Amino acid sequence: MTQAIVTPELLRWARGRAEVALEEVAKSANVSPEKVASWEQGESYPTLRQARKIANKLKIPFGYLYLSNPPEDKIPLPDFRKPSHFNIQSISLELHTLIQDTLRKQEWYREYLLSEGESRLHFVGQYGMSNDPSIVATSIGEIVEINHDLRRQAHSWSDFLRLIVLKSEKARILVLRTGVVQNNNNRPLNPDEFRGFAISDDIAPLVLINSKDAIAAQVFTLAHELAHLWLGRSGISNYDIIDTLVTQPLNRDIEDYCNQVATELLVPKESFLNFWSSQNNALSNLSQIAREYWVSTIVILRRALDLEIIDREQFFTHYRQEIEKQTDVTARSSEGGHFYNTFYARHSKQLTEGIVNATLEGNLLYRDAASLLGVKVSTIQKLAENLESV
């Protein structure tokens, strides 16, 4: 059989990048782990068929195996993540694939909106970090309609998140919530690596939220990423609202600023001060206050600290207590349930409608629509029927 004279270093790089064990690669090529080890050392070579199976397993183009050196794995968006146990100079294969896939969706939708004659959105990039965060929060609240009435309308954290997503899409902001890559439940996302990202564009702005995170955290992430859009700053986020108390994260300025905007948007200062003062013992009633604003108790504690209602000692004492409680609100969420609800959350109902409509109108091939949404061609018609019925 014809040998594939692959580059040993590329085999090692690809396996490390995909975080796949030697035994898994061996199984995919139907050989022993020792044989794969010999390929990685350049002592022998796989057949063409085996090399193609390896490339497929490691999720790289087949031609990469013949390169002299590993390609530069550029991060597709500005990276505003904080230092952590993850290497912030790189991203996982899952996150890289997710961003590339999302950029492709956003670029298609942008062209679609332009073909439909849609105008530019004035609020994208309308403000800068020289503006008071409360001004930006007020603007977001007015356009996305996040206010006291919306909080009263919600029945739970999940419901409040659902309402904000609906309001955001009404303002023509695509919101995607997913915990996996391209509908593949075997490729989960890690909220410790990232919580969300924003693609700033005045035609088709987009926010993606890691739905493996806690529901209350997803609410804050959406508000945080909306702030990125109002600043006109695309980027990946992995904020932590206590970071600025204990560390000096990279890109602290923009992430801290967006946190301030998100906090004012979700927990307005005047409203919060009035509600806090109405409680007999607010620190022992954090859950009720969090429910009032549909945020986490940690956000409530940080808000109280920033407004100098409590001191640092009180903050960290109660912070540790809240972390230990691990209530349903703080527990990480899982996807599941109704197929179409999950699908529209992952891909944005607004984006899905655009793709389906373009297909039915003959402006997009069924196979291209299926590729954009990561489904079979036959699913496009089923989506059309479901969208028509709701």
Foldseek 3Di string as FASTA:
>chain_A
DAFDQFDLQLLVVLCVLQVHDLCVLCVQLVHHSVVNVCCNVSVDTHHPVSLVSSCVVSVHPSVQRRDPDHDDLDQPFAAQEWDDPDDSVDAHPFVSLQVVLVVVLQVVVLVLQVVVVDDFACQFQVDALVDQLLVNLVVCCVQLVQDLVLLVVADALLRSLVSSCVSCVVSQEFEAEEQAHLPDPVGGHDLQRFAWWWDADRRHTYIYGNQQFFSLVSLLSVQLRVSCRSNNGTYTYNDDLCCVVPHDTPVCSSSVSSSVNSLCNQPPDVNLVVVCVVDPHCLVVLVVSCSSRSHASLSVLSSCCVVVVDDPVSSVVSVVVSVVVCDSRRHGDDDDDDPVVNLCNRRPPVSLVSLLVCCVVVNDPLVVSCVSSSHDSVVSVVSVVVVVVD
